């Protein structure tokens, strides 16, 4: 089964049991973004609870496409200006942030898998269906369908995503 880089799979975010911290955190963020004064206040309380439990720092106003999967949300840090496409997977200890020497935050396109401990820093674009290896430090663009590994990250495999 091929995962789409354009159409969100909302089932990936649906909580499956009572204790599902990452999906509960995403649910609180989605509820906040849907608006309404009372709904937002309740969403903020839920967000604070699940952020504390997961140890994730994902701002409420972050632009996140549908179908985000956070298998182990512990230590995930995302800058509020970061854009995340649909059906992405982000593992533990990932940082998506800015570089003090450059303006702009990462832009992650659809169906990107980001391995544990990876850092994506600055105004970089990660193309559709890309894979970022564990502990990689990405400081430049990664083309669609590529695999990037290392410190600093380099492309080790490229396949045409079409």
Protein backbone atom coordinates (compact mmCIF):
# COMPACT_ATOMS: atom_id res chain seq x y z
CA UNK A 1 0.00 0.00 0.00
CA UNK A 2 1.41 3.36 -1.03
CA UNK A 3 0.92 6.26 1.35
CA UNK A 4 -0.24 9.45 -0.36
CA UNK A 5 1.81 12.63 -0.20
CA UNK A 6 -1.22 14.78 -1.06
CA UNK A 7 -4.37 13.22 0.49
CA UNK A 8 -4.40 13.00 4.31
CA UNK A 9 -5.20 9.67 5.93
CA UNK A 10 -7.04 10.89 9.03
CA UNK A 11 -7.29 7.33 10.42
CA UNK A 12 -3.57 7.60 11.31
CA UNK A 13 -4.45 10.27 13.92
CA UNK A 14 -7.51 8.60 15.42
CA UNK A 15 -6.89 7.32 18.94
CA UNK A 16 -7.43 3.60 19.28
CA UNK A 17 -7.65 3.25 23.07
CA UNK A 18 -7.85 5.45 26.16
CA UNK A 19 -4.08 5.69 26.61
CA UNK A 20 -2.78 6.99 23.30
CA UNK A 21 -0.77 10.10 24.25
CA UNK A 22 0.54 11.17 20.84
CA UNK A 23 -2.86 10.96 19.18
CA UNK A 24 -4.50 12.69 22.15
CA UNK A 25 -1.97 15.53 21.82
CA UNK A 26 -2.71 15.85 18.11
CA UNK A 27 -6.44 15.80 18.89
CA UNK A 28 -6.00 18.73 21.27
CA UNK A 29 -4.04 20.69 18.64
CA UNK A 30 -6.71 19.96 15.99
CA UNK A 31 -9.52 21.01 18.40
CA UNK A 32 -7.71 24.28 19.12
CA UNK A 33 -7.23 25.00 15.43
CA UNK A 34 -10.93 24.43 14.65
CA UNK A 35 -11.70 27.47 16.79
CA UNK A 36 -14.51 28.68 18.98
CA UNK A 37 -13.76 30.38 22.30
CA UNK A 38 -14.98 27.63 24.62
CA UNK A 39 -13.60 24.85 22.44
CA UNK A 40 -10.18 26.56 22.41
CA UNK A 41 -10.09 26.90 26.22
CA UNK A 42 -10.84 23.21 26.68
CA UNK A 43 -8.34 22.32 23.93
CA UNK A 44 -5.62 24.35 25.70
CA UNK A 45 -6.15 22.39 28.91
CA UNK A 46 -6.04 19.08 27.01
CA UNK A 47 -2.96 20.29 25.11
CA UNK A 48 -1.11 21.16 28.33
CA UNK A 49 -1.91 17.78 29.85
CA UNK A 50 -0.83 15.74 26.82
CA UNK A 51 2.23 17.92 26.14
CA UNK A 52 3.40 17.25 29.68
CA UNK A 53 2.74 13.52 29.41
CA UNK A 54 4.41 13.15 26.00
CA UNK A 55 7.27 15.56 26.62
CA UNK A 56 6.63 17.05 23.18
CA UNK A 57 6.82 20.75 22.32
CA UNK A 58 4.50 21.25 19.36
CA UNK A 59 2.94 24.75 19.36
CA UNK A 60 -0.82 25.00 18.96
CA UNK A 61 -0.54 27.17 15.84
CA UNK A 62 1.87 24.90 13.92
CA UNK A 63 0.69 24.11 10.37
CA UNK A 64 0.36 20.34 10.35
CA UNK A 65 -1.14 18.35 7.49
CA UNK A 66 -3.53 15.51 8.25
CA UNK A 67 -2.34 12.03 9.02
CA UNK A 68 0.69 12.93 11.15
CA UNK A 69 2.06 9.95 13.04
CA UNK A 70 4.14 10.34 16.21
CA UNK A 71 4.92 6.76 17.32
CA UNK A 72 7.07 7.95 20.24
CA UNK A 73 6.46 11.69 20.82
CA UNK A 74 8.96 12.06 23.66
CA UNK A 75 11.29 15.00 23.08
CA UNK A 76 9.81 16.16 19.77
CA UNK A 77 10.38 19.92 19.35
CA UNK A 78 8.78 21.83 16.48
CA UNK A 79 9.17 25.54 15.77
CA UNK A 80 5.80 27.32 15.27
CA UNK A 81 6.76 28.48 11.75
CA UNK A 82 7.46 24.93 10.54
CA UNK A 83 5.09 23.50 7.93
CA UNK A 84 4.44 19.76 7.98
CA UNK A 85 2.73 18.03 5.06
CA UNK A 86 0.24 15.18 5.09
CA UNK A 87 0.93 11.62 6.27
CA UNK A 88 4.35 12.33 7.76
CA UNK A 89 5.94 10.22 10.50
CA UNK A 90 8.10 11.85 13.16
CA UNK A 91 9.93 9.70 15.71
CA UNK A 92 11.26 10.61 19.17
CA UNK A 93 13.77 13.35 19.95
CA UNK A 94 13.30 15.11 16.58
CA UNK A 95 13.87 18.86 16.33
CA UNK A 96 12.41 20.96 13.49
CA UNK A 97 13.76 24.42 14.15
CA UNK A 98 15.33 27.62 12.97
CA UNK A 99 18.95 28.64 12.51
CA UNK A 100 19.92 31.89 14.18
CA UNK A 101 22.01 32.81 11.12
CA UNK A 102 19.16 32.34 8.61
CA UNK A 103 15.52 33.35 8.52
CA UNK A 104 12.88 30.69 8.04
CA UNK A 105 11.82 27.32 9.34
CA UNK A 106 11.72 23.87 7.73
CA UNK A 107 9.04 22.95 5.23
CA UNK A 108 8.26 19.25 5.22
CA UNK A 109 6.23 18.03 2.25
CA UNK A 110 3.91 15.00 2.18
CA UNK A 111 4.77 11.49 3.41
CA UNK A 112 8.18 12.23 4.86
CA UNK A 113 9.60 9.84 7.47
CA UNK A 114 11.90 11.48 10.03
CA UNK A 115 14.00 9.06 12.11
CA UNK A 116 14.75 9.27 15.84
CA UNK A 117 17.02 12.08 16.95
CA UNK A 118 17.05 13.87 13.59
CA UNK A 119 17.51 17.63 13.45
CA UNK A 120 16.16 19.69 10.55
CA UNK A 121 17.37 23.23 10.99
CA UNK A 122 16.73 26.44 9.05
CA UNK A 123 14.76 27.29 5.91
CA UNK A 124 15.12 23.88 4.27
CA UNK A 125 12.62 21.99 2.16
CA UNK A 126 12.20 18.24 2.51
CA UNK A 127 10.56 16.80 -0.62
CA UNK A 128 7.71 14.30 -0.82
CA UNK A 129 8.41 10.67 0.11
CA UNK A 130 11.84 11.55 1.55
CA UNK A 131 13.42 9.68 4.46
CA UNK A 132 15.60 11.39 7.05
CA UNK A 133 17.81 8.91 8.91
CA UNK A 134 18.26 8.60 12.64
CA UNK A 135 20.37 11.37 14.18
CA UNK A 136 20.82 13.14 10.83
CA UNK A 137 21.42 16.89 10.92
CA UNK A 138 19.75 18.40 7.86
CA UNK A 139 20.96 21.89 6.93
CA UNK A 140 20.09 21.92 3.21
CA UNK A 141 17.20 20.85 0.99
CA UNK A 142 16.44 17.16 0.49
CA UNK A 143 14.89 16.30 -2.91
CA UNK A 144 11.69 14.28 -3.21
CA UNK A 145 12.20 10.53 -2.88
CA UNK A 146 15.66 10.86 -1.32
CA UNK A 147 17.20 9.39 1.80
CA UNK A 148 19.43 11.69 3.86
CA UNK A 149 21.76 10.49 6.63
CA UNK A 150 24.74 11.73 8.62
CA UNK A 151 26.08 14.86 10.25
CA UNK A 152 25.72 17.03 8.27
CA UNK A 153 23.17 15.06 6.26
CA UNK A 154 24.01 13.91 2.76
CA UNK A 155 21.89 12.14 0.18
CA UNK A 156 22.71 8.42 -0.04
CA UNK A 157 19.79 7.25 -2.15
CA UNK A 158 17.49 8.96 -4.59
CA UNK A 159 14.50 7.50 -6.35
CA UNK A 160 11.99 9.25 -8.56
CA UNK A 161 8.76 9.52 -6.48
CA UNK A 162 6.51 9.60 -9.57
